Amino acid sequence: MKRKVLLIYTGGTIGMEKDYETGSLRAFDFGNIFEKMPEMKLMECEVFVHPFAKPKKKL
């Protein structure tokens, strides 16, 4: 039986990627982490990802 891992993304630097045109960091859709980091598919466990939605601003 494979181990199971739940990856909860709440925001921050780990969910950023470099914009090579500007040199700055920008957020990417953490739900697509397996496309950005295909090495994660090599782990000998099931990985589930739960990114929290961006908080809504109060008016």
PDB file of N, CA and C in Angstrom:
ATOM      1  N   MET A   1       0.838  -1.176   0.000  1.00  0.00           N
ATOM      2  CA  MET A   1       0.000   0.000   0.000  1.00  0.00           C
ATOM      3  C   MET A   1       0.893   1.253   0.000  1.00  0.00           C
ATOM      4  N   LYS A   2       0.573   2.192  -0.902  1.00  0.00           N
ATOM      5  CA  LYS A   2       1.351   3.433  -0.991  1.00  0.00           C
ATOM      6  C   LYS A   2       0.991   4.384   0.135  1.00  0.00           C
ATOM      7  N   ARG A   3       1.978   5.123   0.589  1.00  0.00           N
ATOM      8  CA  ARG A   3       1.732   6.191   1.553  1.00  0.00           C
ATOM      9  C   ARG A   3       0.996   7.320   0.850  1.00  0.00           C
ATOM     10  N   LYS A   4       0.264   8.078   1.626  1.00  0.00           N
ATOM     11  CA  LYS A   4      -0.485   9.203   1.072  1.00  0.00           C
ATOM     12  C   LYS A   4       0.014  10.489   1.715  1.00  0.00           C
ATOM     13  N   VAL A   5       0.184  11.524   0.880  1.00  0.00           N
ATOM     14  CA  VAL A   5       0.661  12.823   1.339  1.00  0.00           C
ATOM     15  C   VAL A   5      -0.338  13.873   0.877  1.00  0.00           C
ATOM     16  N   LEU A   6      -0.740  14.729   1.800  1.00  0.00           N
ATOM     17  CA  LEU A   6      -1.604  15.855   1.460  1.00  0.00           C
ATOM     18  C   LEU A   6      -0.755  17.114   1.538  1.00  0.00           C
ATOM     19  N   LEU A   7      -0.637  17.811   0.431  1.00  0.00           N
ATOM     20  CA  LEU A   7       0.130  19.045   0.345  1.00  0.00           C
ATOM     21  C   LEU A   7      -0.866  20.197   0.338  1.00  0.00           C
ATOM     22  N   ILE A   8      -0.839  21.002   1.402  1.00  0.00           N
ATOM     23  CA  ILE A   8      -1.753  22.134   1.530  1.00  0.00           C
ATOM     24  C   ILE A   8      -0.976  23.412   1.252  1.00  0.00           C
ATOM     25  N   TYR A   9      -1.390  24.133   0.229  1.00  0.00           N
ATOM     26  CA  TYR A   9      -0.715  25.378  -0.136  1.00  0.00           C
ATOM     27  C   TYR A   9      -1.567  26.546   0.318  1.00  0.00           C
ATOM     28  N   THR A  10      -0.996  27.390   1.170  1.00  0.00           N
ATOM     29  CA  THR A  10      -1.724  28.541   1.711  1.00  0.00           C
ATOM     30  C   THR A  10      -1.245  29.866   1.137  1.00  0.00           C
ATOM     31  N   GLY A  11      -0.263  29.815   0.245  1.00  0.00           N
ATOM     32  CA  GLY A  11       0.263  31.039  -0.348  1.00  0.00           C
ATOM     33  C   GLY A  11       1.704  31.253   0.039  1.00  0.00           C
ATOM     34  N   GLY A  12       2.361  32.161  -0.639  1.00  0.00           N
ATOM     35  CA  GLY A  12       3.735  32.495  -0.306  1.00  0.00           C
ATOM     36  C   GLY A  12       4.732  32.121  -1.381  1.00  0.00           C
ATOM     37  N   THR A  13       5.989  32.231  -1.027  1.00  0.00           N
ATOM     38  CA  THR A  13       7.087  32.113  -1.980  1.00  0.00           C
ATOM     39  C   THR A  13       7.170  30.750  -2.660  1.00  0.00           C
ATOM     40  N   ILE A  14       6.839  29.669  -1.955  1.00  0.00           N
ATOM     41  CA  ILE A  14       6.975  28.335  -2.552  1.00  0.00           C
ATOM     42  C   ILE A  14       6.058  28.165  -3.775  1.00  0.00           C
ATOM     43  N   GLY A  15       5.015  28.963  -3.852  1.00  0.00           N
ATOM     44  CA  GLY A  15       4.099  28.899  -4.986  1.00  0.00           C
ATOM     45  C   GLY A  15       4.385  29.942  -6.040  1.00  0.00           C
ATOM     46  N   MET A  16       5.617  30.402  -6.102  1.00  0.00           N
ATOM     47  CA  MET A  16       5.986  31.436  -7.062  1.00  0.00           C
ATOM     48  C   MET A  16       6.911  30.854  -8.124  1.00  0.00           C
ATOM     49  N   GLU A  17       6.921  31.501  -9.263  1.00  0.00           N
ATOM     50  CA  GLU A  17       7.873  31.148 -10.313  1.00  0.00           C
ATOM     51  C   GLU A  17       8.505  32.432 -10.826  1.00  0.00           C
ATOM     52  N   LYS A  18       9.674  32.304 -11.393  1.00  0.00           N
ATOM     53  CA  LYS A  18      10.384  33.474 -11.875  1.00  0.00           C
ATOM     54  C   LYS A  18       9.840  33.908 -13.231  1.00  0.00           C
ATOM     55  N   ASP A  19       9.598  35.187 -13.362  1.00  0.00           N
ATOM     56  CA  ASP A  19       9.245  35.784 -14.646  1.00  0.00           C
ATOM     57  C   ASP A  19      10.572  36.193 -15.275  1.00  0.00           C
ATOM     58  N   TYR A  20      11.014  35.483 -16.277  1.00  0.00           N
ATOM     59  CA  TYR A  20      12.336  35.719 -16.851  1.00  0.00           C
ATOM     60  C   TYR A  20      12.437  37.028 -17.632  1.00  0.00           C
ATOM     61  N   GLU A  21      11.309  37.608 -17.996  1.00  0.00           N
ATOM     62  CA  GLU A  21      11.344  38.903 -18.682  1.00  0.00           C
ATOM     63  C   GLU A  21      11.628  40.043 -17.707  1.00  0.00           C
ATOM     64  N   THR A  22      11.018  39.967 -16.508  1.00  0.00           N
ATOM     65  CA  THR A  22      11.170  41.060 -15.547  1.00  0.00           C
ATOM     66  C   THR A  22      12.133  40.720 -14.411  1.00  0.00           C
ATOM     67  N   GLY A  23      12.406  39.435 -14.212  1.00  0.00           N
ATOM     68  CA  GLY A  23      13.266  39.003 -13.115  1.00  0.00           C
ATOM     69  C   GLY A  23      12.539  38.900 -11.785  1.00  0.00           C
ATOM     70  N   SER A  24      11.261  39.248 -11.772  1.00  0.00           N
ATOM     71  CA  SER A  24      10.501  39.194 -10.522  1.00  0.00           C
ATOM     72  C   SER A  24       9.801  37.841 -10.375  1.00  0.00           C
ATOM     73  N   LEU A  25       9.247  37.609  -9.201  1.00  0.00           N
ATOM     74  CA  LEU A  25       8.482  36.398  -8.950  1.00  0.00           C
ATOM     75  C   LEU A  25       7.014  36.664  -9.217  1.00  0.00           C
ATOM     76  N   ARG A  26       6.315  35.639  -9.683  1.00  0.00           N
ATOM     77  CA  ARG A  26       4.872  35.744  -9.887  1.00  0.00           C
ATOM     78  C   ARG A  26       4.229  34.444  -9.421  1.00  0.00           C
ATOM     79  N   ALA A  27       3.003  34.535  -9.010  1.00  0.00           N
ATOM     80  CA  ALA A  27       2.290  33.359  -8.528  1.00  0.00           C
ATOM     81  C   ALA A  27       1.886  32.469  -9.701  1.00  0.00           C
ATOM     82  N   PHE A  28       1.902  31.169  -9.469  1.00  0.00           N
ATOM     83  CA  PHE A  28       1.362  30.252 -10.463  1.00  0.00           C
ATOM     84  C   PHE A  28       0.288  29.405  -9.797  1.00  0.00           C
ATOM     85  N   ASP A  29      -0.498  28.742 -10.588  1.00  0.00           N
ATOM     86  CA  ASP A  29      -1.585  27.905 -10.089  1.00  0.00           C
ATOM     87  C   ASP A  29      -0.983  26.665  -9.437  1.00  0.00           C
ATOM     88  N   PHE A  30      -0.998  26.631  -8.111  1.00  0.00           N
ATOM     89  CA  PHE A  30      -0.356  25.533  -7.388  1.00  0.00           C
ATOM     90  C   PHE A  30      -1.041  24.199  -7.665  1.00  0.00           C
ATOM     91  N   GLY A  31      -2.246  24.228  -8.176  1.00  0.00           N
ATOM     92  CA  GLY A  31      -2.928  22.999  -8.578  1.00  0.00           C
ATOM     93  C   GLY A  31      -2.221  22.311  -9.730  1.00  0.00           C
ATOM     94  N   ASN A  32      -1.354  23.025 -10.429  1.00  0.00           N
ATOM     95  CA  ASN A  32      -0.592  22.469 -11.551  1.00  0.00           C
ATOM     96  C   ASN A  32       0.843  22.134 -11.152  1.00  0.00           C
ATOM     97  N   ILE A  33       1.078  21.861  -9.877  1.00  0.00           N
ATOM     98  CA  ILE A  33       2.434  21.618  -9.377  1.00  0.00           C
ATOM     99  C   ILE A  33       3.096  20.429 -10.061  1.00  0.00           C
ATOM    100  N   PHE A  34       2.319  19.433 -10.475  1.00  0.00           N
ATOM    101  CA  PHE A  34       2.913  18.255 -11.113  1.00  0.00           C
ATOM    102  C   PHE A  34       3.477  18.573 -12.496  1.00  0.00           C
ATOM    103  N   GLU A  35       2.947  19.593 -13.151  1.00  0.00           N
ATOM    104  CA  GLU A  35       3.497  20.024 -14.436  1.00  0.00           C
ATOM    105  C   GLU A  35       4.765  20.856 -14.219  1.00  0.00           C
ATOM    106  N   LYS A  36       4.773  21.657 -13.166  1.00  0.00           N
ATOM    107  CA  LYS A  36       5.935  22.500 -12.862  1.00  0.00           C
ATOM    108  C   LYS A  36       7.083  21.694 -12.273  1.00  0.00           C
ATOM    109  N   MET A  37       6.750  20.653 -11.515  1.00  0.00           N
ATOM    110  CA  MET A  37       7.759  19.829 -10.847  1.00  0.00           C
ATOM    111  C   MET A  37       7.470  18.351 -11.138  1.00  0.00           C
ATOM    112  N   PRO A  38       7.761  17.893 -12.354  1.00  0.00           N
ATOM    113  CA  PRO A  38       7.423  16.513 -12.718  1.00  0.00           C
ATOM    114  C   PRO A  38       8.116  15.464 -11.846  1.00  0.00           C
ATOM    115  N   GLU A  39       9.176  15.856 -11.137  1.00  0.00           N
ATOM    116  CA  GLU A  39       9.865  14.920 -10.253  1.00  0.00           C
ATOM    117  C   GLU A  39       8.944  14.419  -9.144  1.00  0.00           C
ATOM    118  N   MET A  40       7.925  15.195  -8.825  1.00  0.00           N
ATOM    119  CA  MET A  40       6.993  14.782  -7.777  1.00  0.00           C
ATOM    120  C   MET A  40       6.276  13.489  -8.145  1.00  0.00           C
ATOM    121  N   LYS A  41       6.137  13.221  -9.433  1.00  0.00           N
ATOM    122  CA  LYS A  41       5.486  11.988  -9.874  1.00  0.00           C
ATOM    123  C   LYS A  41       6.352  10.762  -9.602  1.00  0.00           C
ATOM    124  N   LEU A  42       7.634  10.970  -9.329  1.00  0.00           N
ATOM    125  CA  LEU A  42       8.545   9.868  -9.064  1.00  0.00           C
ATOM    126  C   LEU A  42       8.509   9.408  -7.606  1.00  0.00           C
ATOM    127  N   MET A  43       7.872  10.172  -6.759  1.00  0.00           N
ATOM    128  CA  MET A  43       7.795   9.817  -5.343  1.00  0.00           C
ATOM    129  C   MET A  43       6.975   8.539  -5.182  1.00  0.00           C
ATOM    130  N   GLU A  44       7.391   7.715  -4.266  1.00  0.00           N
ATOM    131  CA  GLU A  44       6.696   6.448  -4.055  1.00  0.00           C
ATOM    132  C   GLU A  44       5.551   6.617  -3.064  1.00  0.00           C
ATOM    133  N   CYS A  45       4.675   7.561  -3.374  1.00  0.00           N
ATOM    134  CA  CYS A  45       3.493   7.800  -2.558  1.00  0.00           C
ATOM    135  C   CYS A  45       2.471   8.541  -3.419  1.00  0.00           C
ATOM    136  N   GLU A  46       1.247   8.559  -2.932  1.00  0.00           N
ATOM    137  CA  GLU A  46       0.200   9.327  -3.599  1.00  0.00           C
ATOM    138  C   GLU A  46       0.231  10.735  -3.017  1.00  0.00           C
ATOM    139  N   VAL A  47       0.293  11.724  -3.878  1.00  0.00           N
ATOM    140  CA  VAL A  47       0.338  13.110  -3.427  1.00  0.00           C
ATOM    141  C   VAL A  47      -0.947  13.801  -3.854  1.00  0.00           C
ATOM    142  N   PHE A  48      -1.622  14.380  -2.883  1.00  0.00           N
ATOM    143  CA  PHE A  48      -2.831  15.147  -3.138  1.00  0.00           C
ATOM    144  C   PHE A  48      -2.520  16.598  -2.812  1.00  0.00           C
ATOM    145  N   VAL A  49      -2.969  17.506  -3.659  1.00  0.00           N
ATOM    146  CA  VAL A  49      -2.683  18.926  -3.477  1.00  0.00           C
ATOM    147  C   VAL A  49      -3.987  19.672  -3.220  1.00  0.00           C
ATOM    148  N   HIS A  50      -3.973  20.513  -2.189  1.00  0.00           N
ATOM    149  CA  HIS A  50      -5.127  21.360  -1.894  1.00  0.00           C
ATOM    150  C   HIS A  50      -4.647  22.805  -1.765  1.00  0.00           C
ATOM    151  N   PRO A  51      -4.764  23.598  -2.836  1.00  0.00           N
ATOM    152  CA  PRO A  51      -4.421  25.026  -2.721  1.00  0.00           C
ATOM    153  C   PRO A  51      -5.632  25.802  -2.200  1.00  0.00           C
ATOM    154  N   PHE A  52      -5.408  26.648  -1.203  1.00  0.00           N
ATOM    155  CA  PHE A  52      -6.485  27.501  -0.722  1.00  0.00           C
ATOM    156  C   PHE A  52      -6.720  28.615  -1.728  1.00  0.00           C
ATOM    157  N   ALA A  53      -7.956  29.044  -1.830  1.00  0.00           N
ATOM    158  CA  ALA A  53      -8.294  30.163  -2.709  1.00  0.00           C
ATOM    159  C   ALA A  53      -7.706  31.433  -2.122  1.00  0.00           C
ATOM    160  N   LYS A  54      -7.402  32.382  -2.998  1.00  0.00           N
ATOM    161  CA  LYS A  54      -6.901  33.682  -2.554  1.00  0.00           C
ATOM    162  C   LYS A  54      -7.968  34.371  -1.717  1.00  0.00           C
ATOM    163  N   PRO A  55      -7.603  34.876  -0.542  1.00  0.00           N
ATOM    164  CA  PRO A  55      -8.602  35.554   0.302  1.00  0.00           C
ATOM    165  C   PRO A  55      -9.193  36.767  -0.408  1.00  0.00           C
ATOM    166  N   LYS A  56     -10.455  36.987  -0.171  1.00  0.00           N
ATOM    167  CA  LYS A  56     -11.119  38.152  -0.761  1.00  0.00           C
ATOM    168  C   LYS A  56     -10.878  39.366   0.121  1.00  0.00           C
ATOM    169  N   LYS A  57     -10.662  40.511  -0.518  1.00  0.00           N
ATOM    170  CA  LYS A  57     -10.444  41.760   0.210  1.00  0.00           C
ATOM    171  C   LYS A  57     -11.763  42.314   0.718  1.00  0.00           C
ATOM    172  N   LYS A  58     -11.725  42.857   1.932  1.00  0.00           N
ATOM    173  CA  LYS A  58     -12.899  43.538   2.452  1.00  0.00           C
ATOM    174  C   LYS A  58     -12.972  44.924   1.847  1.00  0.00           C
ATOM    175  N   LEU A  59     -14.146  45.364   1.565  1.00  0.00           N
ATOM    176  CA  LEU A  59     -14.334  46.708   1.018  1.00  0.00           C
ATOM    177  C   LEU A  59     -14.581  47.710   2.100  1.00  0.00           C
TER     178      LEU A  59
END
